[in-house]
Protein backbone atom coordinates (compact mmCIF):
# COMPACT_ATOMS: atom_id res chain seq x y z
CA MET A 1 -16.19 -70.04 69.99
CA ARG A 2 -17.92 -73.24 68.97
CA ARG A 3 -17.50 -74.16 65.35
CA ARG A 4 -20.72 -74.70 63.53
CA VAL A 5 -20.38 -76.93 60.51
CA MET A 6 -21.59 -74.43 58.00
CA SER A 7 -25.03 -74.52 56.57
CA MET A 8 -23.51 -75.33 53.20
CA LEU A 9 -22.38 -78.67 54.65
CA ALA A 10 -25.48 -79.93 56.33
CA GLY A 11 -24.30 -83.57 56.25
CA ALA A 12 -20.63 -83.04 57.15
CA THR A 13 -19.19 -82.79 60.63
CA LEU A 14 -15.68 -81.84 61.62
CA ALA A 15 -14.00 -82.23 64.96
CA ALA A 16 -10.74 -80.29 64.91
CA SER A 17 -8.97 -77.51 66.78
CA THR A 18 -8.82 -73.69 66.93
CA LEU A 19 -6.84 -70.41 67.05
CA LEU A 20 -6.34 -67.11 69.00
CA GLY A 21 -4.88 -63.78 68.03
CA ALA A 22 -4.77 -59.96 67.83
CA GLY A 23 -1.95 -58.20 66.05
CA PRO A 24 1.01 -59.48 64.04
CA VAL A 25 2.76 -62.74 64.78
CA ALA A 26 6.52 -62.68 64.88
CA ALA A 27 7.84 -62.64 61.32
CA ASP A 28 9.48 -65.71 59.89
CA THR A 29 13.16 -65.20 59.06
CA ALA A 30 13.12 -66.81 55.63
CA VAL A 31 12.95 -64.01 53.08
CA GLY A 32 12.47 -64.50 49.33
CA THR A 33 13.16 -68.25 49.46
CA ALA A 34 11.21 -71.41 50.04
CA ALA A 35 11.16 -72.18 53.77
CA GLY A 36 10.60 -75.91 53.30
CA THR A 37 9.43 -78.61 50.92
CA PRO A 38 5.75 -79.30 51.54
CA PRO A 39 4.56 -82.84 52.33
CA VAL A 40 2.05 -84.58 50.07
CA GLU A 41 -0.72 -83.95 52.59
CA PHE A 42 -1.20 -82.52 56.08
CA GLY A 43 0.36 -84.51 58.89
CA ASP A 44 -0.01 -84.22 62.69
CA ASP A 45 2.07 -81.06 62.94
CA TRP A 46 2.55 -77.88 60.95
CA HIS A 47 4.20 -74.47 61.05
CA ASP A 48 3.29 -72.16 63.92
CA PRO A 49 0.73 -69.44 63.00
CA VAL A 50 2.11 -66.45 61.20
CA THR A 51 0.72 -63.36 59.49
CA ALA A 52 2.20 -61.02 56.89
CA ALA A 53 1.31 -57.93 58.96
CA PRO A 54 4.19 -55.73 60.17
CA PRO A 55 5.35 -55.79 63.75
CA VAL A 56 4.50 -52.82 65.93
CA PRO A 57 7.17 -50.10 65.43
CA LYS A 58 9.19 -49.61 68.57
CA PRO A 59 11.32 -46.54 69.44
CA HIS A 60 15.01 -46.95 70.25
CA THR A 61 14.58 -45.62 73.79
CA LYS A 62 14.72 -47.09 77.31
CA SER A 63 11.99 -49.67 77.92
CA CYS A 64 10.34 -51.45 80.85
CA GLU A 65 8.33 -54.64 80.75
CA VAL A 66 5.45 -55.62 83.06
CA THR A 67 3.60 -58.97 83.09
CA VAL A 68 -0.14 -58.31 83.05
CA ALA A 69 -1.54 -61.80 83.06
CA GLU A 70 -0.37 -65.41 82.95
CA ALA A 71 -2.96 -68.14 82.87
CA GLN A 72 -4.16 -71.50 81.56
CA PHE A 73 -7.75 -71.52 80.23
CA LYS A 74 -9.66 -74.77 80.61
CA ASP A 75 -13.20 -73.42 81.10
CA PHE A 76 -15.08 -70.15 81.33
CA THR A 77 -13.46 -68.86 84.54
CA PRO A 78 -11.72 -65.52 83.97
CA TYR A 79 -8.24 -64.77 85.17
CA LYS A 80 -8.24 -61.90 87.66
CA GLY A 81 -5.20 -60.02 88.86
CA GLU A 82 -3.66 -56.67 89.58
CA TYR A 83 -1.59 -54.38 87.43
CA THR A 84 1.00 -51.84 88.64
CA PRO A 85 2.63 -49.51 86.12
CA PRO A 86 6.42 -49.19 85.96
CA THR A 87 7.92 -46.21 87.79
CA LYS A 88 10.61 -45.68 85.19
CA CYS A 89 10.66 -45.25 81.41
CA GLY A 90 8.62 -42.06 81.47
CA LYS A 91 6.37 -42.47 84.55
CA GLY A 92 3.07 -42.30 82.69
CA ARG A 93 4.23 -40.20 79.73
CA TRP A 94 5.48 -43.12 77.67
CA GLY A 95 6.11 -42.61 73.98
CA ARG A 96 4.72 -46.05 73.11
CA VAL A 97 3.19 -48.96 74.93
CA VAL A 98 3.16 -52.42 73.22
CA LEU A 99 1.02 -55.33 74.37
CA ARG A 100 2.33 -58.80 73.57
CA LEU A 101 0.38 -62.07 73.99
CA ASP A 102 2.34 -65.35 73.85
CA GLY A 103 0.33 -68.50 73.66
CA LYS A 104 0.67 -72.26 73.31
CA VAL A 105 -1.77 -75.13 72.94
CA LYS A 106 -1.65 -78.75 71.75
CA GLY A 107 -4.07 -81.55 71.12
CA ARG A 108 -7.53 -80.80 69.83
CA GLN A 109 -9.58 -77.71 70.45
CA TYR A 110 -12.12 -75.36 68.88
CA ASP A 111 -11.28 -71.74 68.07
CA ARG A 112 -12.04 -69.54 71.04
CA LEU A 113 -12.65 -65.79 71.52
CA GLY A 114 -10.73 -63.95 74.19
CA TYR A 115 -10.37 -60.52 75.76
CA LEU A 116 -8.08 -58.63 78.12
CA ARG A 117 -9.39 -55.76 80.22
CA ILE A 118 -7.32 -53.43 82.37
CA GLY A 119 -9.30 -51.15 84.70
CA GLY A 120 -12.45 -52.23 82.80
CA VAL A 121 -10.98 -50.97 79.51
CA GLU A 122 -10.96 -53.54 76.73
CA VAL A 123 -7.34 -53.39 75.45
CA LEU A 124 -7.42 -56.59 73.43
CA ARG A 125 -10.01 -58.77 71.74
CA THR A 126 -8.69 -61.84 69.98
CA SER A 127 -9.35 -65.40 68.83
CA THR A 128 -7.30 -68.55 69.11
CA PRO A 129 -5.48 -70.80 66.59
CA GLU A 130 -6.19 -74.45 65.88
CA PRO A 131 -3.48 -76.62 67.54
CA SER A 132 -1.75 -79.63 66.13
CA VAL A 133 -1.33 -82.87 68.13
CA ASP A 134 2.28 -81.92 68.89
CA GLY A 135 1.39 -78.35 69.75
CA ILE A 136 1.84 -74.80 68.40
CA THR A 137 2.98 -71.47 69.79
CA TRP A 138 2.06 -68.05 68.61
CA SER A 139 2.55 -64.40 69.51
CA VAL A 140 0.41 -61.30 69.07
CA GLU A 141 1.44 -57.67 69.29
CA LYS A 142 -0.71 -54.58 69.57
CA ASP A 143 0.02 -50.88 70.02
CA VAL A 144 -1.96 -49.85 73.09
CA THR A 145 -0.50 -46.37 73.58
CA ARG A 146 -4.01 -44.90 73.20
CA TYR A 147 -4.83 -46.41 76.64
CA ARG A 148 -1.88 -44.71 78.32
CA GLU A 149 -4.07 -42.82 80.81
CA THR A 150 -5.62 -46.10 82.05
CA LEU A 151 -2.19 -47.77 82.20
CA SER A 152 -0.69 -44.93 84.27
CA ARG A 153 -2.46 -46.14 87.49
CA ASP A 154 -2.85 -49.35 89.48
CA GLN A 155 -5.71 -51.32 87.98
CA GLN A 156 -7.63 -54.57 88.22
CA VAL A 157 -7.03 -57.04 85.37
CA GLU A 158 -9.51 -59.49 83.85
CA MET A 159 -8.73 -61.91 81.03
CA LEU A 160 -10.80 -64.70 79.56
CA ILE A 161 -10.47 -67.13 76.68
CA GLY A 162 -13.55 -69.28 77.25
CA ASN A 163 -12.66 -72.91 76.67
CA VAL A 164 -13.95 -76.44 77.13
CA VAL A 165 -11.61 -79.32 77.95
CA ASN A 166 -12.80 -82.91 78.01
CA ASP A 167 -11.89 -86.34 76.61
CA THR A 168 -12.43 -85.09 73.03
CA TYR A 169 -11.26 -81.50 73.16
CA THR A 170 -7.98 -81.70 75.04
CA GLY A 171 -6.32 -78.37 74.25
CA ILE A 172 -5.55 -76.21 77.33
CA ILE A 173 -4.83 -72.66 76.20
CA ASP A 174 -1.71 -71.34 77.99
CA VAL A 175 -1.00 -67.60 77.62
CA LYS A 176 1.12 -64.81 78.97
CA ALA A 177 0.38 -61.12 78.37
CA THR A 178 3.04 -58.42 78.90
CA LEU A 179 3.24 -54.66 78.36
CA THR A 180 6.44 -53.00 77.25
CA PHE A 181 6.71 -49.24 77.91
CA TYR A 182 9.04 -47.08 75.88
CA GLU A 183 10.37 -43.79 77.12
CA ALA A 184 9.27 -40.88 74.89
CA ALA A 185 11.92 -39.46 72.58
CA LYS A 186 9.61 -36.46 72.07
CA PRO A 187 6.21 -35.46 73.43
CA THR A 188 3.35 -37.67 72.19
CA THR A 189 -0.39 -36.86 72.25
CA VAL A 190 -3.06 -39.36 73.14
CA SER A 191 -6.45 -39.07 74.78
CA ASP A 192 -6.64 -37.64 78.32
CA ARG A 193 -9.26 -40.13 79.58
CA VAL A 194 -10.48 -43.59 78.65
CA LEU A 195 -13.93 -44.42 79.95
CA PRO A 196 -15.08 -48.11 79.76
CA LEU A 197 -18.77 -48.64 79.18
CA GLY A 198 -18.96 -52.42 79.20
CA ASP A 199 -21.03 -54.24 76.57
CA GLY A 200 -22.84 -51.41 74.81
CA LYS A 201 -25.70 -53.57 73.59
CA ASP A 202 -27.21 -53.41 77.07
CA GLY A 203 -26.80 -49.62 77.17
CA ALA A 204 -24.65 -47.66 79.62
CA THR A 205 -24.50 -44.20 81.12
CA LEU A 206 -21.71 -41.86 80.13
CA THR A 207 -20.63 -38.72 81.96
CA THR A 208 -17.74 -36.99 80.19
CA PRO A 209 -15.44 -34.37 81.81
CA ARG A 210 -17.08 -30.99 81.33
CA ASN A 211 -14.09 -29.64 79.40
CA SER A 212 -14.08 -32.39 76.77
CA GLU A 213 -13.31 -31.07 73.29
CA ARG A 214 -12.97 -34.30 71.37
CA ILE A 215 -14.79 -37.59 72.03
CA VAL A 216 -14.29 -40.91 70.20
CA ALA A 217 -16.08 -44.19 70.92
CA GLU A 218 -14.55 -47.53 69.93
CA VAL A 219 -16.60 -50.69 69.72
CA TYR A 220 -15.05 -54.19 69.58
CA ALA A 221 -17.96 -55.66 67.59
CA THR A 222 -17.75 -59.43 66.93
CA GLY A 223 -20.35 -61.86 65.65
CA SER A 224 -19.52 -65.20 67.16
CA GLY A 225 -20.66 -67.91 69.58
CA GLY A 226 -21.06 -70.80 67.19
CA GLY A 227 -24.58 -69.93 65.98
CA CYS A 228 -25.68 -68.38 62.74
CA GLU A 229 -24.47 -64.90 63.70
CA GLU A 230 -20.94 -66.27 63.43
CA TYR A 231 -21.71 -66.48 59.73
CA TRP A 232 -24.12 -63.54 59.56
CA TYR A 233 -23.09 -62.75 55.96
CA LEU A 234 -24.63 -66.12 54.87
CA THR A 235 -28.04 -65.78 56.58
CA VAL A 236 -31.21 -65.70 54.46
CA PRO A 237 -34.79 -64.50 55.06
CA GLY A 238 -37.46 -67.04 56.03
CA ALA A 239 -38.78 -67.70 52.45
CA ALA A 240 -35.52 -69.26 51.37
CA PRO A 241 -34.71 -72.93 52.19
CA TYR A 242 -31.41 -72.51 54.02
CA SER A 243 -30.27 -73.59 57.48
CA CYS A 244 -29.29 -70.13 58.75
CA LYS A 245 -32.21 -67.70 58.94
CA ALA A 246 -32.44 -63.98 59.64
CA ASP A 247 -35.70 -62.05 59.18
CA HIS A 248 -34.09 -59.37 57.02
CA GLY A 249 -31.22 -61.33 55.41
CA PRO A 250 -27.45 -60.82 55.82
CA TYR A 251 -27.17 -56.98 56.00
CA ARG A 252 -25.62 -55.94 59.32
CA GLU A 253 -24.80 -52.46 60.62
CA VAL A 254 -23.31 -51.43 63.98
CA GLN A 255 -25.00 -48.36 65.35
CA VAL A 256 -24.25 -46.08 68.33
CA LYS A 257 -26.95 -43.98 69.89
CA VAL A 258 -26.78 -41.17 72.42
CA ASP A 259 -29.98 -40.81 74.46
CA GLY A 260 -31.80 -42.67 71.69
CA GLN A 261 -30.51 -40.45 68.88
CA LEU A 262 -28.42 -42.09 66.16
CA ALA A 263 -24.85 -40.86 66.63
CA GLY A 264 -22.78 -43.25 64.47
CA ILE A 265 -23.07 -46.04 61.90
CA ALA A 266 -20.50 -48.55 60.64
CA ALA A 267 -20.12 -51.75 58.63
CA PRO A 268 -18.84 -54.67 60.71
CA PHE A 269 -15.79 -56.45 59.40
CA PRO A 270 -16.69 -59.99 58.13
CA THR A 271 -14.11 -61.82 60.30
CA VAL A 272 -13.53 -65.48 59.47
CA TRP A 273 -12.30 -67.36 62.53
CA THR A 274 -9.77 -70.19 62.30
CA GLY A 275 -12.38 -72.93 62.06
CA GLY A 276 -14.33 -70.90 59.52
CA TRP A 277 -16.03 -72.06 56.37
CA SER A 278 -15.92 -75.61 57.83
CA ASN A 279 -12.29 -75.98 56.82
CA PRO A 280 -9.59 -75.40 59.46
CA PHE A 281 -6.90 -76.55 57.00
CA LEU A 282 -7.24 -73.12 55.41
CA TRP A 283 -6.20 -71.33 58.57
CA TYR A 284 -3.74 -73.55 60.47
CA VAL A 285 -0.75 -71.38 59.53
CA ILE A 286 -2.11 -68.13 58.05
CA PRO A 287 -5.33 -66.77 59.59
CA GLY A 288 -7.80 -64.56 57.73
CA PRO A 289 -7.50 -60.78 58.06
CA ARG A 290 -8.12 -59.49 61.59
CA ALA A 291 -8.66 -62.97 63.12
CA PHE A 292 -5.62 -62.24 65.27
CA ASP A 293 -6.29 -58.48 65.59
CA ILE A 294 -9.95 -57.72 66.19
CA LYS A 295 -9.85 -53.98 65.54
CA PRO A 296 -12.46 -51.80 67.21
CA ILE A 297 -14.82 -49.72 65.07
CA GLU A 298 -14.25 -46.04 65.78
CA TYR A 299 -16.95 -43.38 65.95
CA ASP A 300 -16.16 -39.69 66.25
CA LEU A 301 -18.78 -38.35 68.66
CA THR A 302 -17.30 -34.84 68.85
CA PRO A 303 -20.42 -33.24 67.31
CA PHE A 304 -22.23 -34.46 70.43
CA ALA A 305 -19.62 -32.97 72.85
CA GLY A 306 -21.80 -29.96 73.72
CA VAL A 307 -24.58 -32.39 74.74
CA LEU A 308 -22.25 -34.79 76.56
CA ASN A 309 -20.49 -32.00 78.50
CA ASP A 310 -23.56 -30.69 80.32
CA GLY A 311 -22.79 -32.75 83.43
CA ARG A 312 -25.75 -35.09 83.04
CA ALA A 313 -25.37 -38.82 82.61
CA ARG A 314 -26.20 -39.74 79.06
CA ARG A 315 -27.22 -43.14 77.81
CA VAL A 316 -25.00 -44.71 75.16
CA GLU A 317 -26.28 -47.78 73.38
CA VAL A 318 -24.81 -50.01 70.69
CA SER A 319 -27.00 -52.21 68.50
CA VAL A 320 -26.44 -54.42 65.46
CA VAL A 321 -29.06 -53.88 62.80
CA GLY A 322 -30.31 -57.05 61.08
CA VAL A 323 -29.87 -59.48 63.99
CA PRO A 324 -33.10 -61.41 64.53
CA GLU A 325 -34.99 -60.45 67.70
CA ALA A 326 -33.72 -62.29 70.80
CA GLN A 327 -30.84 -63.77 68.78
CA THR A 328 -27.55 -63.95 70.62
CA GLY A 329 -24.09 -64.01 69.10
CA TRP A 330 -22.81 -60.43 69.05
CA SER A 331 -20.46 -58.86 71.57
CA THR A 332 -19.98 -55.06 71.52
CA PRO A 333 -17.78 -53.78 74.39
CA VAL A 334 -17.23 -50.02 74.29
CA ASN A 335 -14.46 -47.64 75.34
CA VAL A 336 -14.83 -43.86 75.11
CA LEU A 337 -11.65 -41.83 74.52
CA VAL A 338 -11.76 -38.16 75.61
CA TRP A 339 -9.41 -35.26 74.86
CA GLN A 340 -9.78 -32.32 77.30
CA ASP A 341 -9.16 -28.59 76.98
CA GLU A 342 -6.67 -28.09 79.81
CA LYS A 343 -7.16 -24.32 79.76
CA SER A 344 -10.93 -24.53 80.27
CA ASP A 345 -13.06 -25.80 83.16
CA ARG A 346 -16.07 -26.07 80.91
CA VAL A 347 -16.38 -26.52 77.17
CA THR A 348 -19.82 -25.66 75.84
CA GLY A 349 -21.31 -26.32 72.43
CA ARG A 350 -24.29 -27.73 70.60
CA LEU A 351 -25.37 -30.21 67.96
CA THR A 352 -26.16 -28.21 64.83
CA GLY A 353 -27.05 -30.79 62.22
CA HIS A 354 -28.32 -34.34 61.93
CA GLN A 355 -29.22 -35.84 58.58
CA GLU A 356 -29.95 -39.52 58.01
CA SER A 357 -30.90 -41.25 54.77
CA THR A 358 -33.63 -43.86 54.65
CA PRO A 359 -31.90 -47.17 55.32
CA VAL A 360 -31.98 -49.66 52.40
CA ASN A 361 -31.98 -53.41 52.90
CA THR A 362 -33.46 -55.43 50.04
CA THR A 363 -33.21 -59.15 49.33
CA LYS A 364 -34.35 -61.01 46.25
CA TYR A 365 -34.66 -64.76 46.49
CA THR A 366 -34.66 -66.83 43.29
CA PRO A 367 -35.49 -70.53 43.91
CA GLY A 368 -33.51 -73.30 42.32
CA THR A 369 -34.79 -76.69 41.11
CA GLY A 370 -32.94 -79.96 40.90
CA GLU A 371 -29.24 -79.31 40.38
CA GLU A 372 -29.82 -75.57 39.84
CA THR A 373 -28.70 -73.29 42.65
CA HIS A 374 -30.87 -71.19 44.88
CA ARG A 375 -29.92 -67.54 44.77
CA LEU A 376 -30.17 -64.61 47.17
CA ASP A 377 -29.23 -61.12 46.02
CA THR A 378 -28.80 -58.52 48.78
CA GLU A 379 -28.33 -54.76 48.65
CA GLY A 380 -28.02 -52.49 51.68
CA SER A 381 -27.01 -48.88 52.31
CA HIS A 382 -27.30 -46.10 54.87
CA ARG A 383 -25.85 -42.56 55.27
CA LEU A 384 -25.52 -40.31 58.32
CA ARG A 385 -24.21 -36.74 58.57
CA VAL A 386 -23.82 -35.09 61.99
CA SER A 387 -22.47 -31.60 62.82
CA GLY A 388 -21.74 -29.71 65.97
CA TYR A 389 -19.34 -27.26 67.60
CA VAL A 390 -17.50 -26.69 70.85
CA ASN A 391 -16.35 -23.39 72.40
CA THR A 392 -12.78 -23.98 73.53
CA SER A 393 -10.00 -21.87 74.99
CA HIS A 394 -8.59 -21.62 71.44
CA GLY A 395 -11.86 -20.62 69.83
CA ARG A 396 -14.98 -22.22 68.42
CA VAL A 397 -14.28 -25.49 66.65
CA ALA A 398 -16.86 -27.11 64.35
CA THR A 399 -16.87 -30.81 63.51
CA THR A 400 -18.85 -32.63 60.78
CA VAL A 401 -18.87 -36.42 60.50
CA THR A 402 -20.26 -38.00 57.33
CA ARG A 403 -20.46 -41.78 57.00
CA SER A 404 -21.84 -43.76 54.12
CA LEU A 405 -22.32 -47.58 54.10
CA ALA A 406 -23.09 -49.96 51.26
CA ASN A 407 -23.24 -53.75 50.88
CA THR A 408 -23.94 -56.06 47.98
CA SER A 409 -23.84 -59.85 48.07
CA LEU A 410 -24.73 -62.79 45.89
CA HIS A 411 -25.30 -66.08 47.74
CA ARG A 412 -25.80 -69.34 45.79
CA TRP A 413 -26.43 -72.81 47.15
CA THR A 414 -27.72 -76.17 45.97
CA GLU A 415 -30.41 -78.35 47.46
CA GLY A 416 -29.01 -79.94 50.62
CA GLU A 417 -26.34 -77.20 50.68
CA SER A 418 -23.64 -79.52 49.35
CA THR A 419 -22.43 -76.52 47.37
CA ASP A 420 -22.48 -73.06 48.97
CA ALA A 421 -20.96 -69.89 47.54
CA LEU A 422 -20.89 -66.20 48.51
CA LYS A 423 -19.50 -63.19 46.74
CA ALA A 424 -19.87 -60.00 48.84
CA ASN A 425 -18.57 -56.47 49.06
CA TRP A 426 -18.89 -53.93 51.92
CA THR A 427 -17.88 -50.22 51.81
CA ASP A 428 -17.65 -47.85 54.74
CA ARG A 429 -16.73 -44.33 53.71
CA GLU A 430 -16.13 -41.68 56.35
CA THR A 431 -15.10 -38.05 56.37
CA VAL A 432 -14.36 -36.12 59.56
CA THR A 433 -13.98 -32.37 59.10
CA THR A 434 -12.69 -30.37 62.05
CA GLY A 435 -12.08 -26.68 61.37
CA ARG A 436 -9.85 -26.49 58.26
CA ARG A 437 -8.75 -30.14 58.50
CA ALA A 438 -10.53 -33.03 56.86
CA VAL A 439 -9.73 -36.74 57.07
CA ARG A 440 -11.38 -39.12 54.64
CA THR A 441 -11.20 -42.88 55.07
CA ASP A 442 -12.61 -45.33 52.55
CA ARG A 443 -12.84 -48.93 53.79
CA THR A 444 -13.62 -51.86 51.53
CA TYR A 445 -14.13 -55.46 52.72
CA THR A 446 -14.51 -58.38 50.27
CA MET A 447 -15.35 -62.08 50.46
CA ASP A 448 -15.51 -64.57 47.63
CA GLY A 449 -15.77 -68.20 48.66
CA THR A 450 -17.22 -71.58 47.64
CA THR A 451 -17.46 -74.82 49.64
CA THR A 452 -18.42 -78.08 47.95
CA LEU A 453 -19.02 -81.50 49.43
CA GLY A 454 -18.33 -83.90 46.51
CA SER A 455 -17.96 -87.62 45.93
CA GLY A 456 -16.28 -89.64 48.64
CA ASP A 457 -17.21 -86.85 51.11
CA ARG A 458 -14.34 -84.76 49.81
CA LEU A 459 -14.93 -81.25 51.09
CA ARG A 460 -13.26 -78.37 49.25
CA THR A 461 -13.22 -74.71 50.16
CA GLU A 462 -11.82 -71.94 47.95
CA ILE A 463 -11.89 -68.45 49.41
CA SER A 464 -10.50 -64.93 48.98
CA LEU A 465 -10.82 -62.24 51.67
CA GLY A 466 -9.87 -58.58 51.39
CA ASP A 467 -9.37 -55.75 53.90
CA ARG A 468 -8.56 -52.41 52.34
CA ALA A 469 -8.50 -48.86 53.72
CA GLU A 470 -7.45 -45.65 51.98
CA SER A 471 -7.02 -42.49 54.07
CA VAL A 472 -6.23 -38.92 53.03
CA SER A 473 -5.76 -35.90 55.32
CA ARG A 474 -6.18 -32.37 53.99
CA THR A 475 -5.69 -28.99 55.66
CA GLY A 476 -7.10 -25.97 53.87
CA GLY A 477 -7.55 -28.16 50.80
CA ARG A 478 -3.91 -29.24 50.68
CA ARG A 479 -3.03 -32.85 51.15
CA THR A 480 -1.01 -33.29 54.34
CA GLY A 481 -1.00 -37.10 54.72
CA TRP A 482 -2.10 -40.33 53.06
CA SER A 483 -1.99 -44.09 53.50
CA VAL A 484 -3.29 -47.25 51.82
CA LEU A 485 -3.61 -50.56 53.61
CA ASP A 486 -4.37 -53.63 51.52
CA ASP A 487 -4.48 -57.05 53.19
CA ARG A 488 -5.52 -60.00 51.01
CA TYR A 489 -5.87 -63.67 51.84
CA ASP A 490 -6.40 -66.52 49.30
CA GLY A 491 -6.86 -70.15 50.28
CA ASP A 492 -7.85 -73.54 48.80
CA ALA A 493 -8.09 -76.68 50.96
CA THR A 494 -9.66 -80.15 50.60
CA TYR A 495 -10.12 -83.04 53.07
CA THR A 496 -12.36 -86.08 53.59
CA ALA A 497 -15.23 -85.25 55.98
CA ASN A 498 -16.88 -87.56 58.50
CA VAL A 499 -13.77 -89.67 59.14
CA PRO A 500 -11.12 -89.74 61.92
CA ARG A 501 -8.41 -87.18 61.69
CA ASP A 502 -5.74 -89.61 60.39
CA GLN A 503 -8.00 -90.55 57.42
CA ARG A 504 -8.75 -87.04 56.18
CA HIS A 505 -5.95 -86.86 53.59
CA ALA A 506 -6.07 -83.13 53.71
CA VAL A 507 -4.27 -80.81 51.26
CA GLY A 508 -4.32 -77.07 51.17
CA THR A 509 -2.56 -73.93 50.11
CA SER A 510 -2.87 -70.36 51.49
CA ARG A 511 -1.39 -67.03 50.72
CA GLU A 512 -1.44 -63.56 52.30
CA ARG A 513 -0.10 -60.30 50.92
CA TYR A 514 -0.08 -57.31 53.31
CA ARG A 515 0.71 -53.89 51.81
CA LEU A 516 0.94 -50.58 53.61
CA THR A 517 2.05 -47.50 51.79
CA GLY A 518 1.85 -43.81 52.48
CA ASP A 519 3.72 -40.62 53.18
CA THR A 520 5.62 -42.34 56.01
CA GLY A 521 7.02 -45.23 53.91
CA CYS A 522 6.26 -48.61 52.43
CA TYR A 523 5.73 -52.17 53.69
CA ASP A 524 4.94 -55.12 51.43
CA ARG A 525 5.19 -58.78 52.50
CA THR A 526 3.82 -61.98 50.99
CA ILE A 527 3.73 -65.36 52.73
CA ALA A 528 2.43 -68.65 51.40
CA THR A 529 1.92 -72.25 52.61
CA ALA A 530 1.26 -75.74 51.32
CA GLN A 531 0.07 -78.61 53.57
CA GLY A 532 1.01 -76.60 56.66
CA THR A 533 4.56 -75.78 55.48
CA LEU A 534 5.65 -72.21 54.97
CA THR A 535 6.75 -72.11 51.31
CA ARG A 536 7.27 -68.44 50.73
CA ASP A 537 8.13 -65.34 52.75
CA HIS A 538 8.98 -62.42 50.48
CA ARG A 539 9.37 -58.70 51.20
CA ARG A 540 9.32 -56.00 48.59
CA CYS A 541 9.71 -52.29 49.52
């Protein structure tokens, strides 16, 4: 991923390094105490990347480890290999499968996007950290039990972290990916099939097993590539004098269609990569939410099961609403997870309802003069309700999926973009009702940031990012489960732009608090840094 010096900083350039990740980094052992006295300013080395997210829970059962890939990435040549599942530890009926990525890099390098595919299934999408001169190491964990069916057979492996190495950008990205399989202590249920569709933006054909009773698509949607779509939330329509343009402003929506009919909508997460907001000193130790774990957007397509089960190949297409025509920068690989009715050869059904609101996407530009800021106010919303049923061996089961999206943002910038500020909020509310059971998930993403290029070319960025999800399950109206995830990042960093690295005199603080509460327990961890030193690692709960 090539860092673009943000439009807010038209005159400033920054040559620094980058970061990768997906999932939690190994937790620091210091708890409740300062882990070190911070230096006056950043030096040539700093603490290895760490997040406050919890490690993947692992059962206390027999385990087997398999190396999936081991490679050094210097260019855009993918690693290709072969995977063979372990014959022990459950023989395909594992209770849990955990993917671990260990990486190291030193020197200077941009942040880079990466993926790992096994049997064509995207099991990991990640980005890389910014290295120090002396080098950093990091680790990423992800629960990949949902891909158990794919992992139960010999498969081809492909991995790529596209990179450029030359006299300026010297960092070679060295990674090792392993899978650890845990024997099941008790039976676990995951999908029966995982069908890879490749990059959904080009459209793909899907033929599901004819006895499919539940179908879920997952899309690893990322706006990246170094152009304006990497900062899609800052784009403005043509009438406004700003360096990143989009015909309809910053509203984005990831849509899934089946044979041209809208089947799912979702708000993309506004991921900030580790060179983001033109200030890598914010992210050297603590990345923004999801920068290490690029979670797929999930769409429950079960209302379409009756259509998809008819034996005909159906076209599935993913598109990102709001992207200017012919503009590149979005990647949307798709996996389809299928649960089958083992007592039926054929599951029939039909789509019974399809209601879509009129999409809203309005922008209001207010020009500034002199030292006054330009202003762009944006509001967007969309709602979709889809219903259908399937006739299974255990009776007719009806499913209704309702999803409601909304976005508001206020973007202010000065002439020349020496000051640039955004305050934005995205909500994605979804309810899936299947029979007597209903699951409601309310997702809220927030961004509040300002970058200023002041006297002496001192560049300062202050930013807060939020990732929150509340989920409640009910059966027959009675609550049967709940959880709240709240991940918040706050950072403030300043350096001198347009000078060699050793003259930047950079200072910066960052903080992340990750909270996960629910009927299964509580997790609450806060970490903080100053000038690249971990200053706090505190657990509550």
